[in-house]
Amino acid sequence: MTNDINDGKSAEESAVCIALSNNDSYVMSASSGKFSLFNMMTFKVMTMFMPPPPAASYLAFHPQDNNIIAIGMEDSTIQIYNVRVDEVKFLT
């Protein structure tokens, strides 16, 4: 499981985040603004998306619902990703 860094930045310049769900079913990773959700049972990418800048600086799964992921952005905004509906909500 890898995230490609395609934007010309070196690995040292890119923010990299990773979070494992509470039930060990999912891994969410972010690097160079690209998000990938991996299924740990099948070892396959479930979805990939690239939101507009800024880049992610933190990822966390909801403590009781592994289908909800909070994404902290470099500009201090928070995005909430819902795995079930493949949708991102923006919070400021």
N, C-alpha and C. Protein backbone atom coordinates (compact mmCIF):
# COMPACT_ATOMS: atom_id res chain seq x y z
N MET A 1 0.85 -1.16 0.00
CA MET A 1 0.00 0.00 0.00
C MET A 1 0.89 1.23 0.00
N THR A 2 0.78 2.04 -1.01
CA THR A 2 1.59 3.25 -1.10
C THR A 2 0.76 4.41 -1.59
N ASN A 3 1.18 5.61 -1.24
CA ASN A 3 0.66 6.84 -1.81
C ASN A 3 1.76 7.43 -2.65
N ASP A 4 1.47 7.71 -3.89
CA ASP A 4 2.47 8.33 -4.76
C ASP A 4 2.58 9.81 -4.44
N ILE A 5 3.79 10.33 -4.52
CA ILE A 5 4.04 11.76 -4.36
C ILE A 5 4.37 12.28 -5.74
N ASN A 6 3.37 12.94 -6.38
CA ASN A 6 3.51 13.33 -7.78
C ASN A 6 3.64 14.82 -8.00
N ASP A 7 3.63 15.63 -6.97
CA ASP A 7 3.57 17.07 -7.19
C ASP A 7 4.93 17.75 -7.27
N GLY A 8 6.00 16.99 -7.40
CA GLY A 8 7.33 17.57 -7.51
C GLY A 8 8.01 17.82 -6.19
N LYS A 9 7.31 17.64 -5.09
CA LYS A 9 7.92 17.83 -3.78
C LYS A 9 8.65 16.57 -3.38
N SER A 10 9.72 16.74 -2.64
CA SER A 10 10.40 15.57 -2.10
C SER A 10 9.62 15.04 -0.91
N ALA A 11 9.94 13.83 -0.48
CA ALA A 11 9.25 13.22 0.66
C ALA A 11 9.42 14.07 1.91
N GLU A 12 10.56 14.76 2.05
CA GLU A 12 10.80 15.59 3.21
C GLU A 12 9.89 16.82 3.24
N GLU A 13 9.48 17.32 2.07
CA GLU A 13 8.65 18.51 1.99
C GLU A 13 7.17 18.20 2.09
N SER A 14 6.77 16.97 1.91
CA SER A 14 5.36 16.59 1.88
C SER A 14 4.88 16.17 3.25
N ALA A 15 3.70 16.66 3.61
CA ALA A 15 3.07 16.21 4.86
C ALA A 15 2.48 14.83 4.62
N VAL A 16 2.76 13.91 5.51
CA VAL A 16 2.26 12.55 5.38
C VAL A 16 1.51 12.21 6.66
N CYS A 17 0.27 11.72 6.51
CA CYS A 17 -0.56 11.34 7.65
C CYS A 17 -1.09 9.94 7.41
N ILE A 18 -1.31 9.21 8.51
CA ILE A 18 -1.88 7.87 8.41
C ILE A 18 -2.70 7.63 9.67
N ALA A 19 -3.83 6.93 9.51
CA ALA A 19 -4.67 6.59 10.65
C ALA A 19 -5.25 5.19 10.42
N LEU A 20 -5.27 4.41 11.49
CA LEU A 20 -5.84 3.06 11.48
C LEU A 20 -7.16 3.11 12.22
N SER A 21 -8.21 2.51 11.64
CA SER A 21 -9.51 2.51 12.29
C SER A 21 -9.47 1.69 13.57
N ASN A 22 -10.43 1.94 14.45
CA ASN A 22 -10.48 1.28 15.76
C ASN A 22 -10.66 -0.23 15.64
N ASN A 23 -11.34 -0.68 14.60
CA ASN A 23 -11.55 -2.12 14.43
C ASN A 23 -10.54 -2.74 13.46
N ASP A 24 -9.51 -1.97 13.11
CA ASP A 24 -8.43 -2.43 12.22
C ASP A 24 -8.90 -2.82 10.82
N SER A 25 -10.05 -2.31 10.39
CA SER A 25 -10.58 -2.63 9.07
C SER A 25 -10.06 -1.71 7.98
N TYR A 26 -9.80 -0.44 8.34
CA TYR A 26 -9.40 0.56 7.36
C TYR A 26 -8.10 1.24 7.77
N VAL A 27 -7.37 1.69 6.74
CA VAL A 27 -6.25 2.62 6.94
C VAL A 27 -6.49 3.78 5.99
N MET A 28 -6.45 4.99 6.53
CA MET A 28 -6.56 6.20 5.72
C MET A 28 -5.19 6.84 5.68
N SER A 29 -4.72 7.19 4.50
CA SER A 29 -3.43 7.86 4.39
C SER A 29 -3.57 9.09 3.51
N ALA A 30 -2.71 10.06 3.79
CA ALA A 30 -2.69 11.29 3.00
C ALA A 30 -1.25 11.70 2.79
N SER A 31 -0.94 12.04 1.55
CA SER A 31 0.37 12.59 1.23
C SER A 31 0.24 13.44 -0.02
N SER A 32 0.87 14.58 0.01
CA SER A 32 0.84 15.52 -1.12
C SER A 32 -0.58 15.88 -1.54
N GLY A 33 -1.50 15.96 -0.58
CA GLY A 33 -2.86 16.35 -0.88
C GLY A 33 -3.74 15.23 -1.40
N LYS A 34 -3.22 14.03 -1.54
CA LYS A 34 -3.97 12.89 -2.07
C LYS A 34 -4.35 11.96 -0.91
N PHE A 35 -5.62 11.61 -0.82
CA PHE A 35 -6.11 10.72 0.22
C PHE A 35 -6.41 9.35 -0.36
N SER A 36 -6.06 8.31 0.39
CA SER A 36 -6.36 6.94 -0.01
C SER A 36 -6.94 6.21 1.19
N LEU A 37 -8.02 5.47 0.94
CA LEU A 37 -8.62 4.64 1.97
C LEU A 37 -8.41 3.19 1.58
N PHE A 38 -7.71 2.44 2.43
CA PHE A 38 -7.39 1.04 2.17
C PHE A 38 -8.25 0.13 3.02
N ASN A 39 -8.69 -0.97 2.45
CA ASN A 39 -9.39 -2.01 3.19
C ASN A 39 -8.34 -2.99 3.67
N MET A 40 -8.22 -3.16 4.98
CA MET A 40 -7.19 -4.03 5.54
C MET A 40 -7.51 -5.52 5.39
N MET A 41 -8.77 -5.84 5.12
CA MET A 41 -9.14 -7.25 4.92
C MET A 41 -8.73 -7.74 3.53
N THR A 42 -8.87 -6.86 2.54
CA THR A 42 -8.58 -7.25 1.15
C THR A 42 -7.26 -6.66 0.65
N PHE A 43 -6.68 -5.72 1.41
CA PHE A 43 -5.46 -5.01 1.02
C PHE A 43 -5.63 -4.29 -0.32
N LYS A 44 -6.82 -3.74 -0.53
CA LYS A 44 -7.09 -2.99 -1.76
C LYS A 44 -7.51 -1.57 -1.41
N VAL A 45 -7.25 -0.66 -2.35
CA VAL A 45 -7.68 0.72 -2.20
C VAL A 45 -9.19 0.77 -2.43
N MET A 46 -9.91 1.30 -1.45
CA MET A 46 -11.37 1.44 -1.59
C MET A 46 -11.72 2.70 -2.37
N THR A 47 -11.00 3.78 -2.06
CA THR A 47 -11.26 5.04 -2.75
C THR A 47 -10.03 5.92 -2.65
N MET A 48 -9.92 6.82 -3.60
CA MET A 48 -8.86 7.84 -3.60
C MET A 48 -9.51 9.15 -4.01
N PHE A 49 -9.11 10.23 -3.38
CA PHE A 49 -9.59 11.54 -3.79
C PHE A 49 -8.53 12.58 -3.46
N MET A 50 -8.63 13.69 -4.15
CA MET A 50 -7.67 14.78 -3.95
C MET A 50 -8.46 16.06 -3.77
N PRO A 51 -8.67 16.48 -2.51
CA PRO A 51 -9.38 17.73 -2.29
C PRO A 51 -8.51 18.92 -2.66
N PRO A 52 -9.11 20.08 -2.81
CA PRO A 52 -8.30 21.26 -3.11
C PRO A 52 -7.39 21.59 -1.93
N PRO A 53 -6.28 22.33 -2.19
CA PRO A 53 -5.37 22.70 -1.10
C PRO A 53 -6.14 23.44 -0.01
N PRO A 54 -5.66 23.44 1.19
CA PRO A 54 -4.35 23.05 1.69
C PRO A 54 -4.26 21.55 1.95
N ALA A 55 -3.06 21.09 2.25
CA ALA A 55 -2.82 19.68 2.50
C ALA A 55 -3.27 19.29 3.91
N ALA A 56 -3.46 17.99 4.09
CA ALA A 56 -3.84 17.45 5.39
C ALA A 56 -2.64 17.47 6.34
N SER A 57 -2.93 17.69 7.60
CA SER A 57 -1.87 17.62 8.61
C SER A 57 -2.20 16.61 9.71
N TYR A 58 -3.44 16.09 9.72
CA TYR A 58 -3.83 15.13 10.75
C TYR A 58 -5.05 14.33 10.28
N LEU A 59 -5.09 13.04 10.60
CA LEU A 59 -6.22 12.17 10.31
C LEU A 59 -6.63 11.44 11.58
N ALA A 60 -7.94 11.28 11.80
CA ALA A 60 -8.42 10.52 12.96
C ALA A 60 -9.77 9.89 12.64
N PHE A 61 -9.93 8.62 12.99
CA PHE A 61 -11.21 7.95 12.86
C PHE A 61 -12.09 8.29 14.07
N HIS A 62 -13.39 8.36 13.86
CA HIS A 62 -14.34 8.57 14.94
C HIS A 62 -14.23 7.39 15.91
N PRO A 63 -14.25 7.63 17.22
CA PRO A 63 -14.05 6.54 18.19
C PRO A 63 -15.11 5.44 18.15
N GLN A 64 -16.36 5.77 17.81
CA GLN A 64 -17.41 4.76 17.78
C GLN A 64 -17.86 4.35 16.39
N ASP A 65 -17.50 5.14 15.37
CA ASP A 65 -17.96 4.85 14.01
C ASP A 65 -16.77 4.89 13.07
N ASN A 66 -16.30 3.72 12.64
CA ASN A 66 -15.13 3.64 11.77
C ASN A 66 -15.37 4.16 10.36
N ASN A 67 -16.60 4.57 10.07
CA ASN A 67 -16.92 5.11 8.76
C ASN A 67 -16.83 6.63 8.71
N ILE A 68 -16.46 7.26 9.80
CA ILE A 68 -16.33 8.72 9.86
C ILE A 68 -14.87 9.05 10.16
N ILE A 69 -14.28 9.91 9.31
CA ILE A 69 -12.86 10.27 9.46
C ILE A 69 -12.75 11.79 9.49
N ALA A 70 -12.07 12.31 10.49
CA ALA A 70 -11.79 13.75 10.57
C ALA A 70 -10.42 14.01 9.95
N ILE A 71 -10.36 15.04 9.11
CA ILE A 71 -9.12 15.40 8.42
C ILE A 71 -8.78 16.84 8.79
N GLY A 72 -7.72 17.02 9.55
CA GLY A 72 -7.26 18.36 9.90
C GLY A 72 -6.38 18.90 8.79
N MET A 73 -6.64 20.10 8.35
CA MET A 73 -5.92 20.70 7.24
C MET A 73 -4.90 21.73 7.76
N GLU A 74 -3.91 22.03 6.94
CA GLU A 74 -2.85 22.98 7.31
C GLU A 74 -3.37 24.37 7.65
N ASP A 75 -4.53 24.76 7.10
CA ASP A 75 -5.08 26.08 7.39
C ASP A 75 -6.02 26.07 8.59
N SER A 76 -5.99 25.00 9.38
CA SER A 76 -6.79 24.83 10.61
C SER A 76 -8.25 24.52 10.36
N THR A 77 -8.66 24.25 9.13
CA THR A 77 -10.01 23.80 8.88
C THR A 77 -10.06 22.28 9.08
N ILE A 78 -11.27 21.77 9.21
CA ILE A 78 -11.47 20.34 9.40
C ILE A 78 -12.45 19.84 8.35
N GLN A 79 -12.11 18.73 7.73
CA GLN A 79 -13.02 18.08 6.79
C GLN A 79 -13.46 16.76 7.43
N ILE A 80 -14.73 16.43 7.29
CA ILE A 80 -15.26 15.18 7.80
C ILE A 80 -15.61 14.31 6.61
N TYR A 81 -14.96 13.15 6.51
CA TYR A 81 -15.19 12.23 5.40
C TYR A 81 -16.06 11.08 5.88
N ASN A 82 -17.15 10.82 5.16
CA ASN A 82 -18.05 9.71 5.46
C ASN A 82 -17.79 8.60 4.45
N VAL A 83 -17.27 7.48 4.92
CA VAL A 83 -16.91 6.36 4.05
C VAL A 83 -18.15 5.78 3.36
N ARG A 84 -19.26 5.68 4.10
CA ARG A 84 -20.48 5.05 3.56
C ARG A 84 -21.00 5.73 2.30
N VAL A 85 -20.97 7.06 2.30
CA VAL A 85 -21.53 7.80 1.16
C VAL A 85 -20.45 8.43 0.30
N ASP A 86 -19.17 8.19 0.63
CA ASP A 86 -18.03 8.74 -0.12
C ASP A 86 -18.19 10.24 -0.31
N GLU A 87 -18.37 10.95 0.84
CA GLU A 87 -18.64 12.37 0.80
C GLU A 87 -17.81 13.09 1.85
N VAL A 88 -17.36 14.30 1.51
CA VAL A 88 -16.58 15.14 2.41
C VAL A 88 -17.42 16.36 2.77
N LYS A 89 -17.50 16.64 4.07
CA LYS A 89 -18.15 17.86 4.57
C LYS A 89 -17.05 18.79 5.08
N PHE A 90 -17.21 20.08 4.87
CA PHE A 90 -16.21 21.05 5.28
C PHE A 90 -16.67 21.78 6.52
N LEU A 91 -15.79 21.91 7.50
CA LEU A 91 -16.04 22.68 8.71
C LEU A 91 -14.97 23.76 8.79
N THR A 92 -15.32 24.90 9.35
CA THR A 92 -14.33 25.96 9.52
C THR A 92 -14.22 26.36 10.96
